[in-house]
Amino acid sequence: MPVRIDETNPEQKVCFFTVEHGEEIRLCSDLTVITDTDKAMSAVDIEGQRIYLTEAEVDALTVAGAKDGREHVKADTGDSVV
């Protein structure tokens, strides 16, 4: 799981993201979860780097205070699995 949430301070929960060169640390309330429509995946952007997340990770982040900016992705063709 590339994200870990420290909930020891309920007023300011902190998120730790595993990235290529270590870890990025952010307040959960400063984050916005987005939808990458090209990949049909949820992600957060940190310092210009897009970190893709599972739906379980997104749920944990939004419960911890991250803003939910996701869009619903809809199929354009009849044979799509989305």
N, C-alpha and C. Protein backbone atom coordinates (compact mmCIF):
# COMPACT_ATOMS: atom_id res chain seq x y z
N MET A 1 0.84 -1.17 0.00
CA MET A 1 0.00 0.00 0.00
C MET A 1 0.89 1.24 0.00
N PRO A 2 0.79 2.09 -1.02
CA PRO A 2 1.68 3.25 -1.09
C PRO A 2 1.31 4.39 -0.15
N VAL A 3 0.22 4.25 0.61
CA VAL A 3 -0.17 5.32 1.52
C VAL A 3 -0.37 4.76 2.93
N ARG A 4 0.12 5.52 3.89
CA ARG A 4 -0.05 5.18 5.31
C ARG A 4 -0.57 6.43 6.00
N ILE A 5 -1.52 6.25 6.92
CA ILE A 5 -2.14 7.39 7.59
C ILE A 5 -1.85 7.32 9.08
N ASP A 6 -1.30 8.41 9.61
CA ASP A 6 -1.03 8.52 11.05
C ASP A 6 -2.20 9.28 11.66
N GLU A 7 -2.96 8.58 12.51
CA GLU A 7 -4.14 9.17 13.11
C GLU A 7 -3.95 9.48 14.59
N THR A 8 -2.69 9.61 15.04
CA THR A 8 -2.44 9.87 16.46
C THR A 8 -2.96 11.24 16.89
N ASN A 9 -3.00 12.19 15.97
CA ASN A 9 -3.58 13.50 16.24
C ASN A 9 -4.86 13.61 15.42
N PRO A 10 -6.03 13.37 16.03
CA PRO A 10 -7.29 13.38 15.26
C PRO A 10 -7.59 14.72 14.60
N GLU A 11 -7.00 15.81 15.09
CA GLU A 11 -7.22 17.13 14.50
C GLU A 11 -6.48 17.31 13.19
N GLN A 12 -5.32 16.67 13.06
CA GLN A 12 -4.49 16.82 11.85
C GLN A 12 -3.88 15.46 11.50
N LYS A 13 -4.63 14.67 10.76
CA LYS A 13 -4.13 13.36 10.35
C LYS A 13 -3.10 13.55 9.24
N VAL A 14 -2.04 12.76 9.30
CA VAL A 14 -0.91 12.90 8.38
C VAL A 14 -0.85 11.67 7.48
N CYS A 15 -0.61 11.92 6.18
CA CYS A 15 -0.50 10.85 5.20
C CYS A 15 0.95 10.72 4.74
N PHE A 16 1.40 9.49 4.62
CA PHE A 16 2.75 9.18 4.14
C PHE A 16 2.60 8.38 2.86
N PHE A 17 3.17 8.88 1.77
CA PHE A 17 3.08 8.22 0.48
C PHE A 17 4.44 7.66 0.09
N THR A 18 4.48 6.39 -0.25
CA THR A 18 5.71 5.78 -0.75
C THR A 18 5.87 6.18 -2.21
N VAL A 19 6.97 6.83 -2.52
CA VAL A 19 7.26 7.25 -3.89
C VAL A 19 8.62 6.68 -4.30
N GLU A 20 8.98 6.94 -5.53
CA GLU A 20 10.20 6.35 -6.09
C GLU A 20 11.44 6.60 -5.25
N HIS A 21 11.57 7.80 -4.70
CA HIS A 21 12.80 8.15 -3.96
C HIS A 21 12.54 8.34 -2.47
N GLY A 22 11.63 7.56 -1.90
CA GLY A 22 11.40 7.67 -0.46
C GLY A 22 9.95 7.86 -0.11
N GLU A 23 9.67 8.94 0.64
CA GLU A 23 8.33 9.16 1.16
C GLU A 23 7.96 10.63 1.07
N GLU A 24 6.72 10.90 0.72
CA GLU A 24 6.16 12.26 0.75
C GLU A 24 5.19 12.30 1.92
N ILE A 25 5.22 13.38 2.68
CA ILE A 25 4.37 13.52 3.86
C ILE A 25 3.48 14.74 3.67
N ARG A 26 2.17 14.55 3.88
CA ARG A 26 1.20 15.63 3.74
C ARG A 26 0.12 15.51 4.81
N LEU A 27 -0.48 16.64 5.15
CA LEU A 27 -1.70 16.60 5.96
C LEU A 27 -2.82 16.07 5.07
N CYS A 28 -3.59 15.14 5.58
CA CYS A 28 -4.67 14.56 4.79
C CYS A 28 -5.64 15.63 4.31
N SER A 29 -5.92 16.61 5.16
CA SER A 29 -6.87 17.67 4.81
C SER A 29 -6.39 18.57 3.67
N ASP A 30 -5.10 18.52 3.34
CA ASP A 30 -4.55 19.32 2.24
C ASP A 30 -4.64 18.61 0.90
N LEU A 31 -5.09 17.36 0.89
CA LEU A 31 -5.10 16.57 -0.33
C LEU A 31 -6.49 16.53 -0.98
N THR A 32 -6.49 16.39 -2.30
CA THR A 32 -7.73 16.18 -3.04
C THR A 32 -7.53 14.96 -3.92
N VAL A 33 -8.42 14.00 -3.77
CA VAL A 33 -8.40 12.80 -4.60
C VAL A 33 -9.08 13.15 -5.92
N ILE A 34 -8.43 12.79 -7.03
CA ILE A 34 -8.97 13.10 -8.36
C ILE A 34 -9.15 11.81 -9.15
N THR A 35 -9.79 11.94 -10.29
CA THR A 35 -9.92 10.82 -11.21
C THR A 35 -9.06 11.10 -12.43
N ASP A 36 -8.18 10.17 -12.76
CA ASP A 36 -7.43 10.21 -14.02
C ASP A 36 -8.32 9.50 -15.03
N THR A 37 -9.03 10.27 -15.85
CA THR A 37 -10.01 9.67 -16.75
C THR A 37 -9.37 8.81 -17.83
N ASP A 38 -8.14 9.13 -18.23
CA ASP A 38 -7.46 8.29 -19.23
C ASP A 38 -7.20 6.89 -18.70
N LYS A 39 -6.88 6.79 -17.41
CA LYS A 39 -6.59 5.49 -16.82
C LYS A 39 -7.77 4.93 -16.02
N ALA A 40 -8.82 5.74 -15.85
CA ALA A 40 -9.98 5.37 -15.04
C ALA A 40 -9.55 4.90 -13.65
N MET A 41 -8.65 5.71 -13.05
CA MET A 41 -8.13 5.40 -11.72
C MET A 41 -8.16 6.66 -10.86
N SER A 42 -8.21 6.45 -9.56
CA SER A 42 -8.14 7.56 -8.61
C SER A 42 -6.68 7.84 -8.28
N ALA A 43 -6.38 9.11 -7.97
CA ALA A 43 -5.00 9.49 -7.69
C ALA A 43 -4.98 10.78 -6.88
N VAL A 44 -3.80 11.11 -6.36
CA VAL A 44 -3.52 12.42 -5.79
C VAL A 44 -2.28 12.96 -6.50
N ASP A 45 -2.23 14.27 -6.66
CA ASP A 45 -1.05 14.91 -7.23
C ASP A 45 -0.26 15.54 -6.10
N ILE A 46 1.02 15.16 -6.01
CA ILE A 46 1.91 15.71 -5.00
C ILE A 46 3.19 16.16 -5.69
N GLU A 47 3.45 17.48 -5.61
CA GLU A 47 4.67 18.05 -6.19
C GLU A 47 4.83 17.64 -7.65
N GLY A 48 3.74 17.65 -8.40
CA GLY A 48 3.78 17.31 -9.81
C GLY A 48 3.84 15.83 -10.11
N GLN A 49 3.82 15.02 -9.09
CA GLN A 49 3.86 13.56 -9.27
C GLN A 49 2.47 13.00 -8.98
N ARG A 50 1.95 12.21 -9.88
CA ARG A 50 0.64 11.59 -9.68
C ARG A 50 0.82 10.24 -9.01
N ILE A 51 0.15 10.06 -7.89
CA ILE A 51 0.21 8.80 -7.15
C ILE A 51 -1.14 8.13 -7.27
N TYR A 52 -1.15 6.95 -7.90
CA TYR A 52 -2.39 6.21 -8.11
C TYR A 52 -2.73 5.39 -6.89
N LEU A 53 -4.03 5.30 -6.60
CA LEU A 53 -4.50 4.68 -5.38
C LEU A 53 -5.58 3.65 -5.65
N THR A 54 -5.66 2.68 -4.76
CA THR A 54 -6.77 1.73 -4.81
C THR A 54 -8.00 2.43 -4.20
N GLU A 55 -9.16 1.87 -4.43
CA GLU A 55 -10.36 2.46 -3.85
C GLU A 55 -10.35 2.36 -2.32
N ALA A 56 -9.73 1.31 -1.78
CA ALA A 56 -9.60 1.19 -0.33
C ALA A 56 -8.73 2.33 0.22
N GLU A 57 -7.66 2.66 -0.48
CA GLU A 57 -6.79 3.77 -0.06
C GLU A 57 -7.53 5.10 -0.15
N VAL A 58 -8.31 5.27 -1.22
CA VAL A 58 -9.11 6.50 -1.38
C VAL A 58 -10.10 6.62 -0.24
N ASP A 59 -10.77 5.53 0.08
CA ASP A 59 -11.73 5.56 1.19
C ASP A 59 -11.04 5.98 2.48
N ALA A 60 -9.86 5.40 2.76
CA ALA A 60 -9.12 5.73 3.97
C ALA A 60 -8.72 7.22 3.98
N LEU A 61 -8.28 7.74 2.83
CA LEU A 61 -7.88 9.15 2.76
C LEU A 61 -9.05 10.09 2.97
N THR A 62 -10.19 9.79 2.35
CA THR A 62 -11.33 10.69 2.49
C THR A 62 -11.87 10.65 3.93
N VAL A 63 -11.85 9.49 4.55
CA VAL A 63 -12.27 9.40 5.95
C VAL A 63 -11.31 10.21 6.83
N ALA A 64 -10.03 10.23 6.44
CA ALA A 64 -9.02 10.96 7.22
C ALA A 64 -9.03 12.46 6.92
N GLY A 65 -9.87 12.91 5.98
CA GLY A 65 -10.00 14.35 5.75
C GLY A 65 -9.66 14.85 4.37
N ALA A 66 -9.18 14.00 3.47
CA ALA A 66 -8.88 14.44 2.11
C ALA A 66 -10.18 14.78 1.38
N LYS A 67 -10.10 15.75 0.48
CA LYS A 67 -11.27 16.13 -0.30
C LYS A 67 -11.50 15.10 -1.40
N ASP A 68 -12.75 14.79 -1.68
CA ASP A 68 -13.09 13.83 -2.73
C ASP A 68 -13.48 14.58 -3.98
N GLY A 69 -12.55 14.65 -4.92
CA GLY A 69 -12.80 15.35 -6.18
C GLY A 69 -12.94 14.39 -7.35
N ARG A 70 -13.27 13.15 -7.07
CA ARG A 70 -13.38 12.15 -8.13
C ARG A 70 -14.60 12.40 -9.01
N GLU A 71 -14.46 11.96 -10.26
CA GLU A 71 -15.55 12.00 -11.23
C GLU A 71 -15.96 10.57 -11.53
N HIS A 72 -17.22 10.39 -11.86
CA HIS A 72 -17.66 9.07 -12.28
C HIS A 72 -17.32 8.89 -13.75
N VAL A 73 -16.63 7.81 -14.06
CA VAL A 73 -16.24 7.52 -15.44
C VAL A 73 -17.32 6.65 -16.05
N LYS A 74 -17.76 7.04 -17.24
CA LYS A 74 -18.84 6.34 -17.90
C LYS A 74 -18.34 5.78 -19.23
N ALA A 75 -18.81 4.61 -19.58
CA ALA A 75 -18.41 3.96 -20.83
C ALA A 75 -18.94 4.74 -22.04
N ASP A 76 -18.11 4.82 -23.09
CA ASP A 76 -18.53 5.46 -24.33
C ASP A 76 -19.03 4.44 -25.34
N THR A 77 -18.64 3.19 -25.16
CA THR A 77 -19.05 2.16 -26.12
C THR A 77 -19.78 1.04 -25.38
N GLY A 78 -20.58 0.29 -26.13
CA GLY A 78 -21.37 -0.78 -25.53
C GLY A 78 -20.56 -1.96 -25.06
N ASP A 79 -19.31 -2.13 -25.56
CA ASP A 79 -18.51 -3.29 -25.17
C ASP A 79 -17.54 -3.00 -24.05
N SER A 80 -17.63 -1.82 -23.44
CA SER A 80 -16.75 -1.46 -22.35
C SER A 80 -17.16 -2.17 -21.06
N VAL A 81 -16.16 -2.51 -20.23
CA VAL A 81 -16.44 -3.13 -18.94
C VAL A 81 -16.75 -2.11 -17.87
N VAL A 82 -16.53 -0.82 -18.17
CA VAL A 82 -16.79 0.25 -17.20
C VAL A 82 -18.27 0.58 -17.20
